[in-house]
């Protein structure tokens, strides 16, 4: 759309000519203001833009190299498209989802723990991982926990360790809490041999001994 210009008056215009030209110019300016869009502007160049609100903008912004963005939704795909990563300032959650059933989320504040936490979900299974000053590192899950080490599993602690065992099994063998304590009350050598053999059998059932 051309920029309105105040030209086209004949030499020595009459008062009516000037009034008519002013009216034409007003109409062109009104039309320009009503139809401000990319058909009218190829680009806007400015050192500073101070506006109350920029809304309904859909654009390829290219590369944004600096600044602060507060209050937003960032996502790699629209709703229903997977895999996707999404960050919402409304829920304060950063989520990576393989599909509608499987996801991992970083929660700024978990409703379950009151702390920053990781949340793992797959179908009806849910696990929350968090840490606090009282309990240390915690893993809450609705399903069993599997630990697999290609060359063994090592657990180190900087101080004495306390293990609370309930229904714990090694490789699906005998539960740890079924081991009697003390294991043997033998008073003769033959009884001790029998208890020892029973212990070996139990350790084999735990897959601790071959």
C-alpha atoms as a PDB file:
ATOM      1  CA  UNK A   1       0.000   0.000   0.000  1.00  0.00           C
ATOM      2  CA  UNK A   2       1.478   3.376  -1.016  1.00  0.00           C
ATOM      3  CA  UNK A   3       2.182   6.005   1.604  1.00  0.00           C
ATOM      4  CA  UNK A   4      -0.429   8.790   1.447  1.00  0.00           C
ATOM      5  CA  UNK A   5       1.025  11.956  -0.072  1.00  0.00           C
ATOM      6  CA  UNK A   6      -0.344  15.443  -0.249  1.00  0.00           C
ATOM      7  CA  UNK A   7       0.051  15.986  -4.003  1.00  0.00           C
ATOM      8  CA  UNK A   8      -2.236  16.197  -6.986  1.00  0.00           C
ATOM      9  CA  UNK A   9      -3.598  19.664  -6.443  1.00  0.00           C
ATOM     10  CA  UNK A  10      -3.819  21.827  -9.526  1.00  0.00           C
ATOM     11  CA  UNK A  11      -2.071  25.220  -9.575  1.00  0.00           C
ATOM     12  CA  UNK A  12      -3.980  27.828  -7.637  1.00  0.00           C
ATOM     13  CA  UNK A  13      -6.469  25.328  -6.111  1.00  0.00           C
ATOM     14  CA  UNK A  14      -9.771  26.547  -4.800  1.00  0.00           C
ATOM     15  CA  UNK A  15     -10.938  26.030  -1.246  1.00  0.00           C
ATOM     16  CA  UNK A  16     -13.113  23.141  -2.397  1.00  0.00           C
ATOM     17  CA  UNK A  17     -10.074  21.474  -4.080  1.00  0.00           C
ATOM     18  CA  UNK A  18      -8.090  21.631  -0.839  1.00  0.00           C
ATOM     19  CA  UNK A  19     -11.007  20.240   1.211  1.00  0.00           C
ATOM     20  CA  UNK A  20     -11.470  17.375  -1.223  1.00  0.00           C
ATOM     21  CA  UNK A  21      -7.746  16.503  -1.091  1.00  0.00           C
ATOM     22  CA  UNK A  22      -7.719  16.585   2.707  1.00  0.00           C
ATOM     23  CA  UNK A  23     -10.700  14.213   2.778  1.00  0.00           C
ATOM     24  CA  UNK A  24      -8.926  11.852   0.355  1.00  0.00           C
ATOM     25  CA  UNK A  25      -5.803  11.935   2.530  1.00  0.00           C
ATOM     26  CA  UNK A  26      -7.881  11.184   5.676  1.00  0.00           C
ATOM     27  CA  UNK A  27      -9.512   8.203   3.947  1.00  0.00           C
ATOM     28  CA  UNK A  28      -6.108   6.796   2.913  1.00  0.00           C
ATOM     29  CA  UNK A  29      -4.709   7.198   6.431  1.00  0.00           C
ATOM     30  CA  UNK A  30      -7.768   5.498   7.943  1.00  0.00           C
ATOM     31  CA  UNK A  31      -7.459   2.573   5.543  1.00  0.00           C
ATOM     32  CA  UNK A  32      -3.746   2.264   6.328  1.00  0.00           C
ATOM     33  CA  UNK A  33      -4.340   2.139  10.092  1.00  0.00           C
ATOM     34  CA  UNK A  34      -7.126  -0.443   9.761  1.00  0.00           C
ATOM     35  CA  UNK A  35      -5.018  -2.746   7.597  1.00  0.00           C
ATOM     36  CA  UNK A  36      -1.673  -2.764   9.387  1.00  0.00           C
ATOM     37  CA  UNK A  37      -0.236  -6.170   8.513  1.00  0.00           C
ATOM     38  CA  UNK A  38       2.650  -7.775   6.636  1.00  0.00           C
ATOM     39  CA  UNK A  39       1.067  -6.731   3.358  1.00  0.00           C
ATOM     40  CA  UNK A  40       1.783  -3.134   4.298  1.00  0.00           C
ATOM     41  CA  UNK A  41       5.126  -3.541   6.079  1.00  0.00           C
ATOM     42  CA  UNK A  42       8.094  -5.621   4.948  1.00  0.00           C
ATOM     43  CA  UNK A  43      10.002  -4.929   8.173  1.00  0.00           C
ATOM     44  CA  UNK A  44      10.120  -2.699  11.214  1.00  0.00           C
ATOM     45  CA  UNK A  45      13.514  -1.415  12.288  1.00  0.00           C
ATOM     46  CA  UNK A  46      13.903   0.074  15.742  1.00  0.00           C
ATOM     47  CA  UNK A  47      16.482   0.327  18.511  1.00  0.00           C
ATOM     48  CA  UNK A  48      13.829   0.097  21.231  1.00  0.00           C
ATOM     49  CA  UNK A  49      10.202  -1.089  21.149  1.00  0.00           C
ATOM     50  CA  UNK A  50       8.112  -0.178  24.190  1.00  0.00           C
ATOM     51  CA  UNK A  51       4.611  -1.637  23.870  1.00  0.00           C
ATOM     52  CA  UNK A  52       1.861  -2.609  26.284  1.00  0.00           C
ATOM     53  CA  UNK A  53       1.204  -6.003  24.673  1.00  0.00           C
ATOM     54  CA  UNK A  54       2.215  -8.011  21.625  1.00  0.00           C
ATOM     55  CA  UNK A  55      -0.478 -10.606  20.994  1.00  0.00           C
ATOM     56  CA  UNK A  56      -1.540 -13.024  18.276  1.00  0.00           C
ATOM     57  CA  UNK A  57       1.939 -13.239  16.778  1.00  0.00           C
ATOM     58  CA  UNK A  58       2.893 -16.319  14.780  1.00  0.00           C
ATOM     59  CA  UNK A  59       6.376 -16.006  13.354  1.00  0.00           C
ATOM     60  CA  UNK A  60       9.745 -17.610  12.786  1.00  0.00           C
ATOM     61  CA  UNK A  61      11.833 -15.561  15.214  1.00  0.00           C
ATOM     62  CA  UNK A  62      15.143 -16.816  13.890  1.00  0.00           C
ATOM     63  CA  UNK A  63      17.773 -16.755  16.645  1.00  0.00           C
ATOM     64  CA  UNK A  64      17.134 -15.025  19.963  1.00  0.00           C
ATOM     65  CA  UNK A  65      20.528 -14.426  21.596  1.00  0.00           C
ATOM     66  CA  UNK A  66      19.753 -12.428  24.728  1.00  0.00           C
ATOM     67  CA  UNK A  67      17.050 -11.180  27.024  1.00  0.00           C
ATOM     68  CA  UNK A  68      14.663 -12.492  29.658  1.00  0.00           C
ATOM     69  CA  UNK A  69      11.398 -14.292  28.962  1.00  0.00           C
ATOM     70  CA  UNK A  70       8.965 -14.588  31.876  1.00  0.00           C
ATOM     71  CA  UNK A  71       5.756 -16.579  31.647  1.00  0.00           C
ATOM     72  CA  UNK A  72       5.715 -18.850  28.629  1.00  0.00           C
ATOM     73  CA  UNK A  73       5.111 -22.251  27.086  1.00  0.00           C
ATOM     74  CA  UNK A  74       8.021 -23.785  25.154  1.00  0.00           C
ATOM     75  CA  UNK A  75       7.422 -27.059  23.309  1.00  0.00           C
ATOM     76  CA  UNK A  76       9.016 -29.030  20.509  1.00  0.00           C
ATOM     77  CA  UNK A  77       5.667 -30.100  19.033  1.00  0.00           C
ATOM     78  CA  UNK A  78       1.983 -29.308  19.343  1.00  0.00           C
ATOM     79  CA  UNK A  79      -0.259 -31.325  21.661  1.00  0.00           C
ATOM     80  CA  UNK A  80      -0.627 -34.962  20.646  1.00  0.00           C
ATOM     81  CA  UNK A  81       2.664 -35.163  18.702  1.00  0.00           C
ATOM     82  CA  UNK A  82       5.413 -37.381  20.195  1.00  0.00           C
ATOM     83  CA  UNK A  83       8.190 -37.582  21.196  1.00  0.00           C
ATOM     84  CA  UNK A  84       8.067 -34.095  22.655  1.00  0.00           C
ATOM     85  CA  UNK A  85       9.662 -31.854  25.291  1.00  0.00           C
ATOM     86  CA  UNK A  86       7.631 -29.128  26.946  1.00  0.00           C
ATOM     87  CA  UNK A  87       8.226 -26.455  29.576  1.00  0.00           C
ATOM     88  CA  UNK A  88       5.313 -24.577  31.091  1.00  0.00           C
ATOM     89  CA  UNK A  89       5.664 -21.572  33.391  1.00  0.00           C
ATOM     90  CA  UNK A  90       2.075 -22.198  34.523  1.00  0.00           C
ATOM     91  CA  UNK A  91       2.694 -25.688  35.932  1.00  0.00           C
ATOM     92  CA  UNK A  92       6.442 -25.078  36.480  1.00  0.00           C
ATOM     93  CA  UNK A  93       7.172 -28.478  34.960  1.00  0.00           C
ATOM     94  CA  UNK A  94       9.765 -29.525  32.365  1.00  0.00           C
ATOM     95  CA  UNK A  95       8.475 -32.708  30.719  1.00  0.00           C
ATOM     96  CA  UNK A  96       9.972 -35.102  28.178  1.00  0.00           C
ATOM     97  CA  UNK A  97       7.469 -37.621  26.809  1.00  0.00           C
ATOM     98  CA  UNK A  98       8.050 -40.553  24.475  1.00  0.00           C
ATOM     99  CA  UNK A  99       4.300 -40.996  24.046  1.00  0.00           C
ATOM    100  CA  UNK A 100       1.076 -40.307  25.898  1.00  0.00           C
ATOM    101  CA  UNK A 101       1.889 -43.070  28.435  1.00  0.00           C
ATOM    102  CA  UNK A 102       5.622 -42.627  29.072  1.00  0.00           C
ATOM    103  CA  UNK A 103       7.235 -39.455  30.415  1.00  0.00           C
ATOM    104  CA  UNK A 104       9.789 -38.003  32.818  1.00  0.00           C
ATOM    105  CA  UNK A 105       9.261 -34.626  34.468  1.00  0.00           C
ATOM    106  CA  UNK A 106      11.314 -32.197  36.527  1.00  0.00           C
ATOM    107  CA  UNK A 107       9.001 -30.602  39.076  1.00  0.00           C
ATOM    108  CA  UNK A 108       9.900 -27.264  40.660  1.00  0.00           C
ATOM    109  CA  UNK A 109       7.843 -28.304  43.690  1.00  0.00           C
ATOM    110  CA  UNK A 110       6.255 -31.737  44.007  1.00  0.00           C
ATOM    111  CA  UNK A 111       2.857 -31.937  45.709  1.00  0.00           C
ATOM    112  CA  UNK A 112       3.928 -35.304  47.180  1.00  0.00           C
ATOM    113  CA  UNK A 113       7.251 -34.234  48.676  1.00  0.00           C
ATOM    114  CA  UNK A 114       7.202 -30.438  48.895  1.00  0.00           C
ATOM    115  CA  UNK A 115      10.622 -30.392  47.216  1.00  0.00           C
ATOM    116  CA  UNK A 116      12.109 -30.286  43.746  1.00  0.00           C
ATOM    117  CA  UNK A 117      11.681 -33.779  42.309  1.00  0.00           C
ATOM    118  CA  UNK A 118      11.865 -36.042  39.290  1.00  0.00           C
ATOM    119  CA  UNK A 119       8.673 -37.853  38.327  1.00  0.00           C
ATOM    120  CA  UNK A 120       8.714 -40.946  36.106  1.00  0.00           C
ATOM    121  CA  UNK A 121       5.471 -42.258  34.633  1.00  0.00           C
ATOM    122  CA  UNK A 122       4.596 -45.185  32.410  1.00  0.00           C
ATOM    123  CA  UNK A 123       0.943 -46.081  32.226  1.00  0.00           C
ATOM    124  CA  UNK A 124      -0.295 -46.619  35.775  1.00  0.00           C
ATOM    125  CA  UNK A 125       3.270 -46.893  37.154  1.00  0.00           C
ATOM    126  CA  UNK A 126       4.681 -43.820  38.875  1.00  0.00           C
ATOM    127  CA  UNK A 127       7.995 -43.063  40.583  1.00  0.00           C
ATOM    128  CA  UNK A 128       9.113 -39.912  42.407  1.00  0.00           C
ATOM    129  CA  UNK A 129      12.781 -39.233  43.159  1.00  0.00           C
ATOM    130  CA  UNK A 130      13.756 -36.438  45.546  1.00  0.00           C
ATOM    131  CA  UNK A 131      16.161 -35.379  48.293  1.00  0.00           C
ATOM    132  CA  UNK A 132      15.834 -33.507  51.574  1.00  0.00           C
ATOM    133  CA  UNK A 133      17.899 -32.746  54.675  1.00  0.00           C
ATOM    134  CA  UNK A 134      16.129 -35.255  56.927  1.00  0.00           C
ATOM    135  CA  UNK A 135      15.741 -38.409  54.846  1.00  0.00           C
ATOM    136  CA  UNK A 136      18.514 -37.867  52.293  1.00  0.00           C
ATOM    137  CA  UNK A 137      17.894 -39.341  48.830  1.00  0.00           C
ATOM    138  CA  UNK A 138      14.499 -40.981  48.353  1.00  0.00           C
ATOM    139  CA  UNK A 139      12.826 -43.092  45.689  1.00  0.00           C
ATOM    140  CA  UNK A 140       9.065 -43.596  45.940  1.00  0.00           C
ATOM    141  CA  UNK A 141       7.533 -46.028  43.481  1.00  0.00           C
ATOM    142  CA  UNK A 142       4.354 -48.017  42.959  1.00  0.00           C
ATOM    143  CA  UNK A 143       6.230 -50.913  41.314  1.00  0.00           C
ATOM    144  CA  UNK A 144       9.292 -53.075  41.972  1.00  0.00           C
ATOM    145  CA  UNK A 145      12.817 -51.655  41.568  1.00  0.00           C
ATOM    146  CA  UNK A 146      15.355 -53.455  39.366  1.00  0.00           C
ATOM    147  CA  UNK A 147      19.085 -52.722  39.538  1.00  0.00           C
ATOM    148  CA  UNK A 148      21.201 -54.324  36.824  1.00  0.00           C
ATOM    149  CA  UNK A 149      24.959 -53.970  36.637  1.00  0.00           C
ATOM    150  CA  UNK A 150      26.919 -55.274  33.677  1.00  0.00           C
ATOM    151  CA  UNK A 151      29.930 -55.916  35.904  1.00  0.00           C
ATOM    152  CA  UNK A 152      28.403 -56.036  39.371  1.00  0.00           C
ATOM    153  CA  UNK A 153      26.690 -53.524  41.636  1.00  0.00           C
ATOM    154  CA  UNK A 154      28.654 -51.563  44.252  1.00  0.00           C
ATOM    155  CA  UNK A 155      27.068 -49.554  47.058  1.00  0.00           C
ATOM    156  CA  UNK A 156      29.311 -47.225  49.059  1.00  0.00           C
ATOM    157  CA  UNK A 157      28.468 -45.238  52.160  1.00  0.00           C
ATOM    158  CA  UNK A 158      30.562 -42.659  53.985  1.00  0.00           C
ATOM    159  CA  UNK A 159      29.394 -43.879  57.404  1.00  0.00           C
ATOM    160  CA  UNK A 160      27.691 -46.882  58.941  1.00  0.00           C
ATOM    161  CA  UNK A 161      24.809 -48.099  56.822  1.00  0.00           C
ATOM    162  CA  UNK A 162      21.415 -49.255  58.081  1.00  0.00           C
ATOM    163  CA  UNK A 163      19.390 -51.595  55.887  1.00  0.00           C
ATOM    164  CA  UNK A 164      15.718 -52.133  56.646  1.00  0.00           C
ATOM    165  CA  UNK A 165      14.708 -55.333  54.887  1.00  0.00           C
ATOM    166  CA  UNK A 166      11.161 -56.410  54.126  1.00  0.00           C
ATOM    167  CA  UNK A 167      10.293 -58.845  51.348  1.00  0.00           C
ATOM    168  CA  UNK A 168      13.720 -58.349  49.759  1.00  0.00           C
ATOM    169  CA  UNK A 169      14.949 -61.075  47.403  1.00  0.00           C
ATOM    170  CA  UNK A 170      18.144 -61.597  45.439  1.00  0.00           C
ATOM    171  CA  UNK A 171      17.529 -62.883  41.912  1.00  0.00           C
ATOM    172  CA  UNK A 172      14.076 -64.047  42.948  1.00  0.00           C
ATOM    173  CA  UNK A 173      15.460 -66.393  45.637  1.00  0.00           C
ATOM    174  CA  UNK A 174      14.625 -66.756  49.331  1.00  0.00           C
ATOM    175  CA  UNK A 175      13.614 -63.516  51.008  1.00  0.00           C
ATOM    176  CA  UNK A 176      16.284 -61.995  53.229  1.00  0.00           C
ATOM    177  CA  UNK A 177      13.868 -61.549  56.096  1.00  0.00           C
ATOM    178  CA  UNK A 178      13.269 -65.324  56.230  1.00  0.00           C
ATOM    179  CA  UNK A 179      16.844 -65.930  57.405  1.00  0.00           C
ATOM    180  CA  UNK A 180      16.750 -66.797  61.114  1.00  0.00           C
ATOM    181  CA  UNK A 181      18.901 -64.734  63.468  1.00  0.00           C
ATOM    182  CA  UNK A 182      20.980 -66.234  64.881  1.00  0.00           C
ATOM    183  CA  UNK A 183      21.070 -68.871  62.185  1.00  0.00           C
ATOM    184  CA  UNK A 184      22.474 -71.665  64.347  1.00  0.00           C
ATOM    185  CA  UNK A 185      22.037 -72.657  67.971  1.00  0.00           C
ATOM    186  CA  UNK A 186      24.021 -75.894  67.601  1.00  0.00           C
ATOM    187  CA  UNK A 187      25.669 -77.386  70.669  1.00  0.00           C
ATOM    188  CA  UNK A 188      27.370 -80.308  68.943  1.00  0.00           C
ATOM    189  CA  UNK A 189      29.601 -80.655  65.916  1.00  0.00           C
ATOM    190  CA  UNK A 190      27.040 -82.722  64.027  1.00  0.00           C
ATOM    191  CA  UNK A 191      24.339 -80.094  64.621  1.00  0.00           C
ATOM    192  CA  UNK A 192      26.746 -77.375  63.491  1.00  0.00           C
ATOM    193  CA  UNK A 193      27.511 -79.300  60.291  1.00  0.00           C
ATOM    194  CA  UNK A 194      23.798 -79.682  59.623  1.00  0.00           C
ATOM    195  CA  UNK A 195      23.162 -75.964  60.177  1.00  0.00           C
ATOM    196  CA  UNK A 196      26.114 -75.105  57.983  1.00  0.00           C
ATOM    197  CA  UNK A 197      24.784 -77.254  55.144  1.00  0.00           C
ATOM    198  CA  UNK A 198      21.361 -75.650  55.549  1.00  0.00           C
ATOM    199  CA  UNK A 199      22.970 -72.210  55.353  1.00  0.00           C
ATOM    200  CA  UNK A 200      24.837 -73.176  52.166  1.00  0.00           C
ATOM    201  CA  UNK A 201      21.570 -74.392  50.627  1.00  0.00           C
ATOM    202  CA  UNK A 202      19.849 -71.137  51.532  1.00  0.00           C
ATOM    203  CA  UNK A 203      22.673 -69.019  50.084  1.00  0.00           C
ATOM    204  CA  UNK A 204      22.464 -71.040  46.882  1.00  0.00           C
ATOM    205  CA  UNK A 205      18.728 -70.372  46.723  1.00  0.00           C
ATOM    206  CA  UNK A 206      19.593 -66.692  46.924  1.00  0.00           C
ATOM    207  CA  UNK A 207      21.995 -67.172  44.001  1.00  0.00           C
ATOM    208  CA  UNK A 208      24.781 -65.889  46.230  1.00  0.00           C
ATOM    209  CA  UNK A 209      26.623 -69.227  46.026  1.00  0.00           C
ATOM    210  CA  UNK A 210      26.893 -71.329  42.904  1.00  0.00           C
END
